[in-house]
Protein backbone atom coordinates (compact mmCIF):
# COMPACT_ATOMS: atom_id res chain seq x y z
CA MET A 1 -0.20 -0.06 0.14
CA GLU A 2 1.20 3.36 -0.79
CA GLU A 3 2.12 6.22 1.72
CA THR A 4 -0.09 9.20 1.91
CA THR A 5 1.40 12.18 2.23
CA ILE A 6 0.36 14.97 4.30
CA VAL A 7 1.16 18.93 5.13
CA VAL A 8 -1.02 19.94 7.73
CA VAL A 9 -0.74 24.19 8.77
CA ASP A 10 -3.64 25.13 11.05
CA ASP A 11 -3.13 27.81 13.58
CA HIS A 12 -5.24 26.81 15.89
CA PRO A 13 -3.56 25.06 18.03
CA LEU A 14 -6.63 22.74 19.22
CA PHE A 15 -7.70 21.73 15.69
CA HIS A 16 -4.13 21.08 14.86
CA LYS A 17 -3.12 19.11 17.85
CA GLY A 18 -6.49 16.61 17.13
CA MET A 19 -6.08 16.30 13.30
CA VAL A 20 -2.40 15.36 13.56
CA ASN A 21 -3.13 12.94 16.07
CA MET A 22 -6.01 11.57 14.27
CA LEU A 23 -3.82 10.96 11.33
CA ASP A 24 -0.85 9.60 12.97
CA MET A 25 -2.92 6.62 14.45
CA GLU A 26 -4.23 5.72 11.19
CA PRO A 27 -2.11 3.44 8.64
CA GLY A 28 -0.92 5.11 5.24
CA TYR A 29 -0.70 8.36 6.55
CA ILE A 30 2.42 10.22 6.70
CA ILE A 31 2.71 13.71 7.88
CA PHE A 32 5.81 15.19 6.89
CA ARG A 33 5.46 19.17 7.37
CA GLN A 34 3.27 20.64 10.29
CA ALA A 35 3.17 24.78 10.81
CA SER A 36 0.76 27.07 12.41
CA ASN A 37 1.14 29.90 10.36
CA ASP A 38 2.09 31.09 7.19
CA ALA A 39 5.86 32.04 7.55
CA GLU A 40 5.94 28.66 9.11
CA SER A 41 4.75 26.70 6.62
CA CYS A 42 7.33 27.43 4.37
CA TYR A 43 5.14 25.20 1.37
CA ASP A 44 7.47 23.96 -1.25
CA SER A 45 5.75 22.49 -4.43
CA ARG A 46 9.15 19.87 -4.65
CA LEU A 47 7.69 18.11 -2.00
CA HIS A 48 4.42 16.67 -3.67
CA PRO A 49 2.19 16.47 -0.93
CA LYS A 50 -1.23 14.03 -1.90
CA ILE A 51 -2.65 16.28 0.99
CA ALA A 52 -2.54 19.57 2.53
CA GLU A 53 -4.91 20.62 5.09
CA VAL A 54 -4.85 24.28 5.52
CA ASP A 55 -6.59 26.50 7.29
CA ILE A 56 -8.52 29.02 4.90
CA TYR A 57 -8.21 31.85 7.55
CA LEU A 58 -3.87 31.96 8.54
CA PRO A 59 -2.00 35.26 9.83
CA GLY A 60 -0.26 37.21 7.19
CA MET A 61 -1.37 34.97 4.23
CA ASN A 62 -4.75 33.10 3.84
CA GLY A 63 -4.68 29.42 2.89
CA GLN A 64 -5.35 29.71 -0.56
CA GLN A 65 -2.29 32.18 -0.84
CA VAL A 66 -0.06 29.58 0.69
CA THR A 67 -0.80 26.86 -1.72
CA HIS A 68 -0.82 28.79 -4.71
């Protein structure tokens, strides 16, 4: 089974931690980048994550700008 790579960028601590904990318990998912704001995310398209969970309302840039 191919592993699904995930980036999690969310500034709400409770949601962020819950999302990461939930995905860590699921087989086949690897979280290889986490951030709580746009500056930390350092989103790099060369990483080619299969899934990017990005909060739409981040401080600084919004989620669309971060993933664009």
